[in-house]
Amino acid sequence: MRVIIVDDEQLARGVLREYLGAHADIDIVGECANGFEAVKAIAELQPDLAFLDIQMPKLNGFEVLELAGQAPAIRVIFVTAFEQYAIKAFEVHAIDYLLKPFSQQRLDVALAHARAGPVQATADIDVIEAQDDYVCISTGGKAWLKNQRLAELEVLLDAGRFVRIHRSYIVNIERMSRIEPAGKDSHCVVLQDGRRVPVSRSGYQKLRALLG
């Protein structure tokens, strides 16, 4: 896989270079210290995957993607110290979102997503809840509101990972701990962080079909 690294911090580029060196199928074809270099490198080198910092002088990572246009088959993993950009990364269909500092193991997971294909930057999302015309996206104990309906967001998600278990909830099955009875003919999902999410009858049938 042909990869470019884009980060204005030399140390951050070095960490990525070291971690990527553990993967024999990765060929680092370019390194860029700013957004302008990145736009040019994407056009000229046509990499398969870009590790792209977000906050950089002059051009940020999102502006790089916009200016690069529809580069053939390029996939993006954002690498940043700022967690507030996670939702926007999801909106531009990034493969994953690495929050600095990250481990070799976390990078390996992101690469697995890239190899698997068009997986969106949703691996760390726990649950999504409808709140009128907004959705509340919860991840790692934090939450963000996004002005979008749950049904609109549902069609953008990986159906093998995210299941609409209730008219107001979509859950990441990789964040589930167990399913418990919650009363007569009703159930709830218990997430790994202990949160309990209601499950409708149809949602329960979906989970049974998916999980076996």
N, C-alpha and C. Protein backbone atom coordinates (compact mmCIF):
# COMPACT_ATOMS: atom_id res chain seq x y z
N MET A 1 0.84 -1.19 0.00
CA MET A 1 0.00 0.00 0.00
C MET A 1 0.88 1.25 0.00
N ARG A 2 0.65 2.15 -0.93
CA ARG A 2 1.43 3.39 -1.06
C ARG A 2 0.85 4.45 -0.11
N VAL A 3 1.72 4.98 0.75
CA VAL A 3 1.27 5.85 1.84
C VAL A 3 2.05 7.16 1.82
N ILE A 4 1.36 8.27 2.14
CA ILE A 4 2.05 9.52 2.44
C ILE A 4 1.71 9.94 3.86
N ILE A 5 2.65 10.64 4.48
CA ILE A 5 2.49 11.16 5.83
C ILE A 5 2.48 12.68 5.75
N VAL A 6 1.45 13.28 6.35
CA VAL A 6 1.33 14.74 6.31
C VAL A 6 1.18 15.25 7.74
N ASP A 7 2.19 15.97 8.22
CA ASP A 7 2.15 16.53 9.58
C ASP A 7 3.20 17.62 9.66
N ASP A 8 2.86 18.75 10.27
CA ASP A 8 3.82 19.85 10.36
C ASP A 8 4.84 19.62 11.47
N GLU A 9 4.66 18.59 12.29
CA GLU A 9 5.61 18.28 13.36
C GLU A 9 6.52 17.13 12.94
N GLN A 10 7.81 17.39 12.92
CA GLN A 10 8.78 16.38 12.50
C GLN A 10 8.73 15.15 13.40
N LEU A 11 8.55 15.37 14.70
CA LEU A 11 8.50 14.25 15.64
C LEU A 11 7.30 13.35 15.34
N ALA A 12 6.17 13.95 15.03
CA ALA A 12 4.96 13.17 14.73
C ALA A 12 5.16 12.35 13.46
N ARG A 13 5.82 12.94 12.47
CA ARG A 13 6.10 12.18 11.24
C ARG A 13 7.02 11.00 11.55
N GLY A 14 7.98 11.23 12.44
CA GLY A 14 8.90 10.16 12.80
C GLY A 14 8.21 9.00 13.50
N VAL A 15 7.27 9.31 14.37
CA VAL A 15 6.52 8.26 15.07
C VAL A 15 5.74 7.43 14.07
N LEU A 16 5.06 8.09 13.15
CA LEU A 16 4.31 7.36 12.13
C LEU A 16 5.23 6.50 11.28
N ARG A 17 6.36 7.07 10.90
CA ARG A 17 7.32 6.32 10.07
C ARG A 17 7.78 5.06 10.80
N GLU A 18 8.05 5.20 12.09
CA GLU A 18 8.51 4.06 12.88
C GLU A 18 7.42 2.99 12.98
N TYR A 19 6.20 3.40 13.30
CA TYR A 19 5.11 2.44 13.45
C TYR A 19 4.79 1.75 12.12
N LEU A 20 4.78 2.52 11.05
CA LEU A 20 4.46 1.94 9.74
C LEU A 20 5.55 0.98 9.28
N GLY A 21 6.77 1.18 9.78
CA GLY A 21 7.87 0.31 9.41
C GLY A 21 7.68 -1.14 9.83
N ALA A 22 6.74 -1.37 10.73
CA ALA A 22 6.45 -2.74 11.18
C ALA A 22 5.59 -3.51 10.19
N HIS A 23 5.15 -2.83 9.12
CA HIS A 23 4.25 -3.46 8.15
C HIS A 23 4.95 -3.56 6.80
N ALA A 24 5.23 -4.79 6.39
CA ALA A 24 6.00 -5.02 5.17
C ALA A 24 5.28 -4.55 3.92
N ASP A 25 3.95 -4.48 3.96
CA ASP A 25 3.20 -4.11 2.76
C ASP A 25 3.04 -2.60 2.61
N ILE A 26 3.60 -1.82 3.54
CA ILE A 26 3.47 -0.37 3.49
C ILE A 26 4.70 0.25 2.83
N ASP A 27 4.45 1.06 1.82
CA ASP A 27 5.52 1.78 1.12
C ASP A 27 5.28 3.27 1.30
N ILE A 28 6.09 3.92 2.13
CA ILE A 28 5.95 5.36 2.36
C ILE A 28 6.55 6.09 1.17
N VAL A 29 5.71 6.65 0.34
CA VAL A 29 6.17 7.28 -0.91
C VAL A 29 6.40 8.77 -0.76
N GLY A 30 5.99 9.36 0.36
CA GLY A 30 6.19 10.78 0.54
C GLY A 30 5.88 11.24 1.95
N GLU A 31 6.56 12.33 2.36
CA GLU A 31 6.27 12.99 3.63
C GLU A 31 6.11 14.48 3.37
N CYS A 32 5.12 15.08 4.00
CA CYS A 32 4.82 16.49 3.78
C CYS A 32 4.73 17.21 5.12
N ALA A 33 5.28 18.43 5.16
CA ALA A 33 5.30 19.20 6.39
C ALA A 33 4.21 20.26 6.44
N ASN A 34 3.44 20.40 5.37
CA ASN A 34 2.34 21.37 5.38
C ASN A 34 1.29 20.98 4.35
N GLY A 35 0.17 21.68 4.38
CA GLY A 35 -0.94 21.34 3.51
C GLY A 35 -0.66 21.55 2.04
N PHE A 36 0.09 22.60 1.70
CA PHE A 36 0.39 22.85 0.28
C PHE A 36 1.21 21.71 -0.31
N GLU A 37 2.20 21.25 0.44
CA GLU A 37 2.99 20.10 -0.02
C GLU A 37 2.10 18.88 -0.20
N ALA A 38 1.14 18.72 0.71
CA ALA A 38 0.26 17.55 0.66
C ALA A 38 -0.61 17.55 -0.59
N VAL A 39 -1.19 18.69 -0.92
CA VAL A 39 -2.03 18.77 -2.12
C VAL A 39 -1.23 18.38 -3.36
N LYS A 40 -0.01 18.90 -3.45
CA LYS A 40 0.85 18.58 -4.59
C LYS A 40 1.23 17.10 -4.60
N ALA A 41 1.57 16.56 -3.42
CA ALA A 41 2.00 15.16 -3.34
C ALA A 41 0.86 14.20 -3.70
N ILE A 42 -0.33 14.51 -3.25
CA ILE A 42 -1.48 13.65 -3.56
C ILE A 42 -1.72 13.61 -5.06
N ALA A 43 -1.60 14.78 -5.71
CA ALA A 43 -1.82 14.84 -7.16
C ALA A 43 -0.73 14.10 -7.93
N GLU A 44 0.52 14.26 -7.48
CA GLU A 44 1.64 13.69 -8.23
C GLU A 44 1.88 12.21 -7.91
N LEU A 45 1.76 11.85 -6.65
CA LEU A 45 2.12 10.49 -6.23
C LEU A 45 0.94 9.53 -6.24
N GLN A 46 -0.27 10.08 -6.15
CA GLN A 46 -1.50 9.28 -6.13
C GLN A 46 -1.39 8.10 -5.15
N PRO A 47 -1.18 8.41 -3.88
CA PRO A 47 -1.05 7.34 -2.88
C PRO A 47 -2.39 6.64 -2.64
N ASP A 48 -2.30 5.45 -2.08
CA ASP A 48 -3.51 4.72 -1.69
C ASP A 48 -4.08 5.26 -0.38
N LEU A 49 -3.19 5.72 0.49
CA LEU A 49 -3.59 6.12 1.83
C LEU A 49 -2.77 7.31 2.29
N ALA A 50 -3.44 8.27 2.94
CA ALA A 50 -2.75 9.42 3.52
C ALA A 50 -3.02 9.48 5.02
N PHE A 51 -1.94 9.59 5.80
CA PHE A 51 -2.06 9.91 7.21
C PHE A 51 -1.98 11.43 7.31
N LEU A 52 -3.08 12.06 7.69
CA LEU A 52 -3.22 13.50 7.51
C LEU A 52 -3.50 14.20 8.83
N ASP A 53 -2.59 15.08 9.22
CA ASP A 53 -2.80 15.94 10.38
C ASP A 53 -3.92 16.93 10.06
N ILE A 54 -4.58 17.45 11.07
CA ILE A 54 -5.67 18.40 10.82
C ILE A 54 -5.21 19.84 11.03
N GLN A 55 -4.70 20.16 12.20
CA GLN A 55 -4.29 21.54 12.46
C GLN A 55 -2.87 21.77 11.97
N MET A 56 -2.79 22.47 10.83
CA MET A 56 -1.49 22.82 10.24
C MET A 56 -1.55 24.27 9.78
N PRO A 57 -0.40 24.95 9.69
CA PRO A 57 -0.40 26.33 9.20
C PRO A 57 -0.91 26.42 7.77
N LYS A 58 -1.61 27.49 7.47
CA LYS A 58 -2.07 27.86 6.13
C LYS A 58 -3.20 26.97 5.62
N LEU A 59 -2.99 25.68 5.53
CA LEU A 59 -4.04 24.76 5.10
C LEU A 59 -4.22 23.67 6.15
N ASN A 60 -5.45 23.49 6.63
CA ASN A 60 -5.67 22.37 7.54
C ASN A 60 -5.99 21.10 6.76
N GLY A 61 -6.11 19.99 7.46
CA GLY A 61 -6.31 18.71 6.79
C GLY A 61 -7.57 18.64 5.95
N PHE A 62 -8.65 19.26 6.43
CA PHE A 62 -9.89 19.24 5.67
C PHE A 62 -9.77 20.06 4.38
N GLU A 63 -9.05 21.18 4.46
CA GLU A 63 -8.83 22.00 3.26
C GLU A 63 -7.94 21.26 2.26
N VAL A 64 -7.00 20.48 2.77
CA VAL A 64 -6.17 19.66 1.87
C VAL A 64 -7.04 18.71 1.07
N LEU A 65 -7.96 18.04 1.75
CA LEU A 65 -8.85 17.11 1.04
C LEU A 65 -9.70 17.83 0.01
N GLU A 66 -10.19 19.00 0.38
CA GLU A 66 -11.03 19.77 -0.55
C GLU A 66 -10.25 20.18 -1.79
N LEU A 67 -9.03 20.65 -1.60
CA LEU A 67 -8.22 21.09 -2.74
C LEU A 67 -7.70 19.92 -3.56
N ALA A 68 -7.46 18.80 -2.89
CA ALA A 68 -6.97 17.62 -3.62
C ALA A 68 -8.05 17.05 -4.52
N GLY A 69 -9.31 17.36 -4.21
CA GLY A 69 -10.40 16.87 -5.05
C GLY A 69 -10.56 15.38 -4.95
N GLN A 70 -11.04 14.80 -6.01
CA GLN A 70 -11.30 13.36 -6.04
C GLN A 70 -10.06 12.61 -6.54
N ALA A 71 -9.04 12.58 -5.71
CA ALA A 71 -7.84 11.81 -6.07
C ALA A 71 -8.21 10.34 -6.17
N PRO A 72 -7.71 9.66 -7.19
CA PRO A 72 -8.12 8.27 -7.43
C PRO A 72 -7.88 7.37 -6.23
N ALA A 73 -8.95 6.86 -5.67
CA ALA A 73 -8.91 5.78 -4.66
C ALA A 73 -8.17 6.14 -3.37
N ILE A 74 -7.87 7.41 -3.14
CA ILE A 74 -7.14 7.74 -1.91
C ILE A 74 -8.06 7.59 -0.70
N ARG A 75 -7.50 7.02 0.35
CA ARG A 75 -8.18 6.91 1.62
C ARG A 75 -7.40 7.72 2.65
N VAL A 76 -8.10 8.18 3.68
CA VAL A 76 -7.49 9.10 4.64
C VAL A 76 -7.69 8.59 6.06
N ILE A 77 -6.61 8.62 6.82
CA ILE A 77 -6.67 8.43 8.26
C ILE A 77 -6.19 9.74 8.89
N PHE A 78 -7.06 10.41 9.61
CA PHE A 78 -6.67 11.66 10.26
C PHE A 78 -5.87 11.36 11.52
N VAL A 79 -4.87 12.18 11.76
CA VAL A 79 -4.00 12.05 12.93
C VAL A 79 -3.94 13.42 13.59
N THR A 80 -4.45 13.54 14.81
CA THR A 80 -4.54 14.86 15.42
C THR A 80 -4.52 14.76 16.94
N ALA A 81 -4.20 15.86 17.58
CA ALA A 81 -4.25 15.93 19.04
C ALA A 81 -5.57 16.48 19.53
N PHE A 82 -6.50 16.76 18.61
CA PHE A 82 -7.73 17.45 18.97
C PHE A 82 -8.95 16.58 18.66
N GLU A 83 -9.61 16.11 19.72
CA GLU A 83 -10.71 15.16 19.54
C GLU A 83 -11.97 15.81 18.99
N GLN A 84 -12.08 17.15 19.03
CA GLN A 84 -13.32 17.78 18.59
C GLN A 84 -13.55 17.68 17.08
N TYR A 85 -12.54 17.22 16.33
CA TYR A 85 -12.71 17.10 14.88
C TYR A 85 -13.24 15.73 14.46
N ALA A 86 -13.52 14.86 15.41
CA ALA A 86 -13.90 13.48 15.07
C ALA A 86 -15.14 13.41 14.21
N ILE A 87 -16.15 14.23 14.52
CA ILE A 87 -17.40 14.17 13.77
C ILE A 87 -17.20 14.67 12.35
N LYS A 88 -16.43 15.75 12.18
CA LYS A 88 -16.19 16.24 10.83
C LYS A 88 -15.39 15.23 10.02
N ALA A 89 -14.46 14.53 10.67
CA ALA A 89 -13.70 13.48 9.98
C ALA A 89 -14.64 12.40 9.47
N PHE A 90 -15.62 12.06 10.27
CA PHE A 90 -16.62 11.09 9.86
C PHE A 90 -17.39 11.60 8.64
N GLU A 91 -17.73 12.89 8.64
CA GLU A 91 -18.53 13.45 7.55
C GLU A 91 -17.79 13.40 6.21
N VAL A 92 -16.48 13.49 6.23
CA VAL A 92 -15.73 13.43 4.97
C VAL A 92 -15.25 12.01 4.67
N HIS A 93 -15.83 11.04 5.38
CA HIS A 93 -15.62 9.62 5.09
C HIS A 93 -14.18 9.17 5.28
N ALA A 94 -13.54 9.67 6.33
CA ALA A 94 -12.20 9.18 6.65
C ALA A 94 -12.27 7.73 7.09
N ILE A 95 -11.19 7.01 6.85
CA ILE A 95 -11.12 5.61 7.26
C ILE A 95 -11.08 5.48 8.78
N ASP A 96 -10.31 6.36 9.42
CA ASP A 96 -10.17 6.30 10.87
C ASP A 96 -9.67 7.64 11.37
N TYR A 97 -9.60 7.76 12.70
CA TYR A 97 -9.26 9.01 13.35
C TYR A 97 -8.35 8.68 14.53
N LEU A 98 -7.07 8.96 14.38
CA LEU A 98 -6.10 8.65 15.43
C LEU A 98 -5.87 9.88 16.30
N LEU A 99 -6.08 9.72 17.60
CA LEU A 99 -5.89 10.81 18.54
C LEU A 99 -4.51 10.69 19.18
N LYS A 100 -3.68 11.71 18.97
CA LYS A 100 -2.33 11.72 19.54
C LYS A 100 -2.39 11.86 21.06
N PRO A 101 -1.51 11.20 21.80
CA PRO A 101 -0.57 10.18 21.32
C PRO A 101 -1.28 8.83 21.18
N PHE A 102 -0.89 8.06 20.20
CA PHE A 102 -1.51 6.75 19.97
C PHE A 102 -0.42 5.68 19.98
N SER A 103 -0.85 4.46 20.17
CA SER A 103 0.09 3.35 20.28
C SER A 103 0.27 2.64 18.94
N GLN A 104 1.27 1.78 18.89
CA GLN A 104 1.45 0.93 17.71
C GLN A 104 0.19 0.10 17.46
N GLN A 105 -0.40 -0.40 18.53
CA GLN A 105 -1.59 -1.25 18.39
C GLN A 105 -2.76 -0.47 17.80
N ARG A 106 -2.93 0.78 18.21
CA ARG A 106 -4.03 1.59 17.67
C ARG A 106 -3.80 1.88 16.19
N LEU A 107 -2.57 2.14 15.81
CA LEU A 107 -2.25 2.34 14.40
C LEU A 107 -2.54 1.08 13.61
N ASP A 108 -2.20 -0.07 14.17
CA ASP A 108 -2.45 -1.34 13.48
C ASP A 108 -3.94 -1.53 13.20
N VAL A 109 -4.78 -1.13 14.15
CA VAL A 109 -6.23 -1.22 13.95
C VAL A 109 -6.66 -0.32 12.79
N ALA A 110 -6.13 0.90 12.75
CA ALA A 110 -6.47 1.83 11.68
C ALA A 110 -6.04 1.28 10.32
N LEU A 111 -4.87 0.67 10.26
CA LEU A 111 -4.41 0.08 9.01
C LEU A 111 -5.30 -1.09 8.59
N ALA A 112 -5.76 -1.85 9.56
CA ALA A 112 -6.68 -2.95 9.25
C ALA A 112 -7.96 -2.41 8.62
N HIS A 113 -8.43 -1.28 9.13
CA HIS A 113 -9.61 -0.64 8.54
C HIS A 113 -9.32 -0.21 7.10
N ALA A 114 -8.13 0.35 6.88
CA ALA A 114 -7.78 0.80 5.54
C ALA A 114 -7.69 -0.36 4.56
N ARG A 115 -7.14 -1.47 5.02
CA ARG A 115 -7.02 -2.64 4.15
C ARG A 115 -8.39 -3.24 3.84
N ALA A 116 -9.31 -3.11 4.79
CA ALA A 116 -10.63 -3.72 4.62
C ALA A 116 -11.48 -2.97 3.61
N GLY A 117 -11.17 -1.71 3.37
CA GLY A 117 -11.96 -0.96 2.39
C GLY A 117 -12.57 0.29 2.99
N PRO A 118 -13.71 0.73 2.45
CA PRO A 118 -14.29 2.02 2.82
C PRO A 118 -15.00 2.02 4.16
N VAL A 119 -14.25 1.71 5.22
CA VAL A 119 -14.80 1.81 6.56
C VAL A 119 -14.67 3.26 7.01
N GLN A 120 -15.70 3.80 7.61
CA GLN A 120 -15.67 5.20 7.99
C GLN A 120 -15.10 5.36 9.39
N ALA A 121 -14.80 6.60 9.74
CA ALA A 121 -14.13 6.89 11.00
C ALA A 121 -15.08 6.80 12.15
N THR A 122 -15.54 5.61 12.44
CA THR A 122 -16.56 5.43 13.45
C THR A 122 -16.17 4.39 14.48
N ALA A 123 -14.96 3.87 14.43
CA ALA A 123 -14.59 2.74 15.28
C ALA A 123 -14.77 3.04 16.76
N ASP A 124 -14.60 4.30 17.16
CA ASP A 124 -14.65 4.64 18.58
C ASP A 124 -16.03 5.11 19.04
N ILE A 125 -17.00 5.16 18.14
CA ILE A 125 -18.35 5.57 18.53
C ILE A 125 -19.02 4.45 19.31
N ASP A 126 -19.64 4.80 20.43
CA ASP A 126 -20.34 3.82 21.26
C ASP A 126 -21.81 3.70 20.86
N VAL A 127 -22.49 4.83 20.88
CA VAL A 127 -23.93 4.83 20.61
C VAL A 127 -24.33 6.20 20.05
N ILE A 128 -25.35 6.20 19.22
CA ILE A 128 -25.88 7.44 18.64
C ILE A 128 -27.35 7.53 19.03
N GLU A 129 -27.75 8.68 19.58
CA GLU A 129 -29.11 8.86 20.07
C GLU A 129 -29.80 10.01 19.34
N ALA A 130 -31.03 9.80 18.90
CA ALA A 130 -31.81 10.86 18.26
C ALA A 130 -32.32 11.83 19.32
N GLN A 131 -32.18 13.12 19.04
CA GLN A 131 -32.70 14.17 19.91
C GLN A 131 -33.34 15.24 19.04
N ASP A 132 -34.62 15.06 18.74
CA ASP A 132 -35.35 15.95 17.83
C ASP A 132 -34.66 15.98 16.47
N ASP A 133 -34.22 17.16 16.02
CA ASP A 133 -33.56 17.27 14.72
C ASP A 133 -32.05 17.05 14.80
N TYR A 134 -31.57 16.62 15.94
CA TYR A 134 -30.15 16.40 16.15
C TYR A 134 -29.89 14.93 16.48
N VAL A 135 -28.63 14.55 16.40
CA VAL A 135 -28.20 13.28 16.96
C VAL A 135 -27.09 13.57 17.96
N CYS A 136 -27.07 12.79 19.02
CA CYS A 136 -26.01 12.88 20.01
C CYS A 136 -25.10 11.67 19.82
N ILE A 137 -23.86 11.92 19.45
CA ILE A 137 -22.89 10.87 19.17
C ILE A 137 -21.96 10.73 20.37
N SER A 138 -21.98 9.57 20.99
CA SER A 138 -21.20 9.33 22.21
C SER A 138 -20.00 8.45 21.91
N THR A 139 -18.85 8.86 22.40
CA THR A 139 -17.63 8.08 22.20
C THR A 139 -16.68 8.33 23.36
N GLY A 140 -16.24 7.27 23.99
CA GLY A 140 -15.25 7.38 25.05
C GLY A 140 -15.66 8.27 26.20
N GLY A 141 -16.94 8.29 26.55
CA GLY A 141 -17.41 9.11 27.65
C GLY A 141 -17.69 10.55 27.29
N LYS A 142 -17.48 10.93 26.04
CA LYS A 142 -17.77 12.28 25.57
C LYS A 142 -18.90 12.22 24.54
N ALA A 143 -19.54 13.36 24.29
CA ALA A 143 -20.67 13.39 23.37
C ALA A 143 -20.66 14.67 22.55
N TRP A 144 -21.13 14.56 21.31
CA TRP A 144 -21.25 15.70 20.41
C TRP A 144 -22.65 15.71 19.81
N LEU A 145 -23.20 16.90 19.62
CA LEU A 145 -24.47 17.04 18.92
C LEU A 145 -24.21 17.38 17.47
N LYS A 146 -24.97 16.76 16.59
CA LYS A 146 -24.84 17.01 15.16
C LYS A 146 -26.23 17.27 14.59
N ASN A 147 -26.35 18.30 13.77
CA ASN A 147 -27.65 18.66 13.20
C ASN A 147 -27.98 17.74 12.03
N GLN A 148 -28.51 16.58 12.35
CA GLN A 148 -28.85 15.57 11.35
C GLN A 148 -29.83 14.58 11.96
N ARG A 149 -30.71 14.05 11.14
CA ARG A 149 -31.66 13.05 11.63
C ARG A 149 -31.00 11.68 11.67
N LEU A 150 -31.49 10.86 12.58
CA LEU A 150 -30.90 9.54 12.79
C LEU A 150 -30.97 8.69 11.52
N ALA A 151 -32.08 8.77 10.81
CA ALA A 151 -32.23 7.96 9.59
C ALA A 151 -31.23 8.37 8.52
N GLU A 152 -30.91 9.66 8.44
CA GLU A 152 -29.93 10.14 7.46
C GLU A 152 -28.54 9.63 7.80
N LEU A 153 -28.23 9.59 9.08
CA LEU A 153 -26.92 9.12 9.50
C LEU A 153 -26.81 7.60 9.36
N GLU A 154 -27.90 6.91 9.59
CA GLU A 154 -27.90 5.45 9.56
C GLU A 154 -27.41 4.90 8.23
N VAL A 155 -27.81 5.52 7.12
CA VAL A 155 -27.45 5.00 5.80
C VAL A 155 -25.97 5.19 5.49
N LEU A 156 -25.28 6.05 6.25
CA LEU A 156 -23.86 6.29 6.03
C LEU A 156 -22.97 5.34 6.82
N LEU A 157 -23.57 4.60 7.74
CA LEU A 157 -22.79 3.76 8.64
C LEU A 157 -22.58 2.36 8.10
N ASP A 158 -21.56 1.69 8.61
CA ASP A 158 -21.28 0.30 8.27
C ASP A 158 -22.34 -0.58 8.93
N ALA A 159 -23.20 -1.19 8.11
CA ALA A 159 -24.31 -1.99 8.64
C ALA A 159 -23.83 -3.23 9.37
N GLY A 160 -22.60 -3.64 9.15
CA GLY A 160 -22.06 -4.78 9.86
C GLY A 160 -21.60 -4.45 11.26
N ARG A 161 -21.51 -3.17 11.58
CA ARG A 161 -21.04 -2.73 12.88
C ARG A 161 -22.12 -1.98 13.65
N PHE A 162 -22.91 -1.18 12.95
CA PHE A 162 -23.89 -0.33 13.60
C PHE A 162 -25.30 -0.83 13.32
N VAL A 163 -26.09 -0.97 14.40
CA VAL A 163 -27.44 -1.50 14.28
C VAL A 163 -28.42 -0.53 14.94
N ARG A 164 -29.49 -0.23 14.21
CA ARG A 164 -30.54 0.59 14.81
C ARG A 164 -31.41 -0.33 15.67
N ILE A 165 -31.23 -0.23 16.96
CA ILE A 165 -31.91 -1.15 17.87
C ILE A 165 -33.20 -0.57 18.44
N HIS A 166 -33.47 0.68 18.11
CA HIS A 166 -34.62 1.39 18.65
C HIS A 166 -34.85 2.58 17.74
N ARG A 167 -36.04 3.12 17.74
CA ARG A 167 -36.29 4.28 16.87
C ARG A 167 -35.38 5.47 17.22
N SER A 168 -34.85 5.48 18.43
CA SER A 168 -34.02 6.61 18.86
C SER A 168 -32.55 6.26 19.06
N TYR A 169 -32.15 5.01 18.78
CA TYR A 169 -30.78 4.61 19.09
C TYR A 169 -30.16 3.74 17.99
N ILE A 170 -28.90 4.04 17.68
CA ILE A 170 -28.04 3.17 16.89
C ILE A 170 -26.86 2.81 17.78
N VAL A 171 -26.53 1.52 17.83
CA VAL A 171 -25.45 1.09 18.72
C VAL A 171 -24.34 0.43 17.91
N ASN A 172 -23.11 0.64 18.35
CA ASN A 172 -21.95 -0.04 17.79
C ASN A 172 -21.85 -1.40 18.48
N ILE A 173 -22.07 -2.48 17.73
CA ILE A 173 -22.10 -3.80 18.36
C ILE A 173 -20.75 -4.19 18.96
N GLU A 174 -19.67 -3.55 18.50
CA GLU A 174 -18.36 -3.83 19.08
C GLU A 174 -18.19 -3.19 20.45
N ARG A 175 -19.13 -2.31 20.81
CA ARG A 175 -19.11 -1.68 22.13
C ARG A 175 -20.12 -2.31 23.09
N MET A 176 -20.80 -3.36 22.62
CA MET A 176 -21.78 -4.04 23.46
C MET A 176 -21.10 -5.01 24.42
N SER A 177 -21.60 -5.07 25.64
CA SER A 177 -21.15 -6.06 26.60
C SER A 177 -22.10 -7.25 26.63
N ARG A 178 -23.41 -6.95 26.67
CA ARG A 178 -24.41 -8.02 26.73
C ARG A 178 -25.80 -7.45 26.46
N ILE A 179 -26.75 -8.34 26.29
CA ILE A 179 -28.16 -7.98 26.17
C ILE A 179 -28.88 -8.55 27.38
N GLU A 180 -29.70 -7.71 28.03
CA GLU A 180 -30.39 -8.14 29.23
C GLU A 180 -31.89 -7.92 29.11
N PRO A 181 -32.70 -8.74 29.79
CA PRO A 181 -34.13 -8.44 29.89
C PRO A 181 -34.33 -7.13 30.64
N ALA A 182 -35.33 -6.36 30.24
CA ALA A 182 -35.60 -5.08 30.90
C ALA A 182 -37.07 -4.96 31.28
N GLY A 183 -37.72 -6.09 31.42
CA GLY A 183 -39.15 -6.10 31.72
C GLY A 183 -39.82 -7.14 30.85
N LYS A 184 -41.13 -7.18 30.92
CA LYS A 184 -41.89 -8.15 30.14
C LYS A 184 -41.74 -7.86 28.65
N ASP A 185 -41.20 -8.82 27.91
CA ASP A 185 -41.04 -8.72 26.46
C ASP A 185 -40.18 -7.54 26.03
N SER A 186 -39.29 -7.08 26.87
CA SER A 186 -38.41 -5.97 26.49
C SER A 186 -36.97 -6.28 26.91
N HIS A 187 -36.04 -5.63 26.23
CA HIS A 187 -34.62 -5.87 26.48
C HIS A 187 -33.85 -4.55 26.45
N CYS A 188 -32.63 -4.61 26.91
CA CYS A 188 -31.73 -3.48 26.78
C CYS A 188 -30.33 -4.00 26.47
N VAL A 189 -29.56 -3.15 25.82
CA VAL A 189 -28.15 -3.44 25.56
C VAL A 189 -27.33 -2.77 26.66
N VAL A 190 -26.41 -3.51 27.23
CA VAL A 190 -25.46 -2.94 28.19
C VAL A 190 -24.14 -2.75 27.47
N LEU A 191 -23.70 -1.50 27.40
CA LEU A 191 -22.44 -1.20 26.73
C LEU A 191 -21.26 -1.52 27.64
N GLN A 192 -20.07 -1.52 27.07
CA GLN A 192 -18.87 -1.84 27.84
C GLN A 192 -18.61 -0.84 28.96
N ASP A 193 -19.11 0.40 28.80
CA ASP A 193 -18.94 1.40 29.85
C ASP A 193 -20.05 1.35 30.89
N GLY A 194 -20.98 0.38 30.75
CA GLY A 194 -22.06 0.22 31.71
C GLY A 194 -23.35 0.90 31.34
N ARG A 195 -23.32 1.73 30.32
CA ARG A 195 -24.55 2.41 29.91
C ARG A 195 -25.56 1.41 29.38
N ARG A 196 -26.85 1.63 29.71
CA ARG A 196 -27.92 0.76 29.27
C ARG A 196 -28.74 1.48 28.21
N VAL A 197 -28.96 0.79 27.08
CA VAL A 197 -29.67 1.38 25.94
C VAL A 197 -30.89 0.52 25.63
N PRO A 198 -32.08 1.13 25.55
CA PRO A 198 -33.29 0.33 25.28
C PRO A 198 -33.27 -0.29 23.90
N VAL A 199 -33.88 -1.47 23.79
CA VAL A 199 -33.96 -2.20 22.53
C VAL A 199 -35.43 -2.47 22.22
N SER A 200 -35.86 -2.09 21.02
CA SER A 200 -37.23 -2.40 20.61
C SER A 200 -37.34 -3.87 20.20
N ARG A 201 -38.56 -4.33 19.97
CA ARG A 201 -38.73 -5.72 19.55
C ARG A 201 -38.04 -5.98 18.22
N SER A 202 -38.23 -5.06 17.27
CA SER A 202 -37.58 -5.25 15.96
C SER A 202 -36.06 -5.15 16.09
N GLY A 203 -35.59 -4.25 16.97
CA GLY A 203 -34.16 -4.13 17.20
C GLY A 203 -33.56 -5.38 17.81
N TYR A 204 -34.32 -6.01 18.69
CA TYR A 204 -33.87 -7.27 19.30
C TYR A 204 -33.74 -8.36 18.25
N GLN A 205 -34.69 -8.41 17.33
CA GLN A 205 -34.61 -9.40 16.25
C GLN A 205 -33.41 -9.14 15.34
N LYS A 206 -33.12 -7.87 15.08
CA LYS A 206 -31.94 -7.53 14.28
C LYS A 206 -30.67 -8.03 14.97
N LEU A 207 -30.57 -7.79 16.26
CA LEU A 207 -29.38 -8.21 17.00
C LEU A 207 -29.25 -9.72 17.01
N ARG A 208 -30.34 -10.41 17.20
CA ARG A 208 -30.29 -11.88 17.20
C ARG A 208 -29.84 -12.42 15.85
N ALA A 209 -30.34 -11.79 14.78
CA ALA A 209 -29.96 -12.25 13.44
C ALA A 209 -28.49 -11.96 13.16
N LEU A 210 -28.01 -10.81 13.65
CA LEU A 210 -26.63 -10.41 13.36
C LEU A 210 -25.63 -11.17 14.23
N LEU A 211 -25.98 -11.37 15.48
CA LEU A 211 -25.04 -11.97 16.42
C LEU A 211 -25.17 -13.48 16.51
N GLY A 212 -26.28 -14.00 15.98
CA GLY A 212 -26.47 -15.45 16.00
C GLY A 212 -27.07 -15.91 17.28
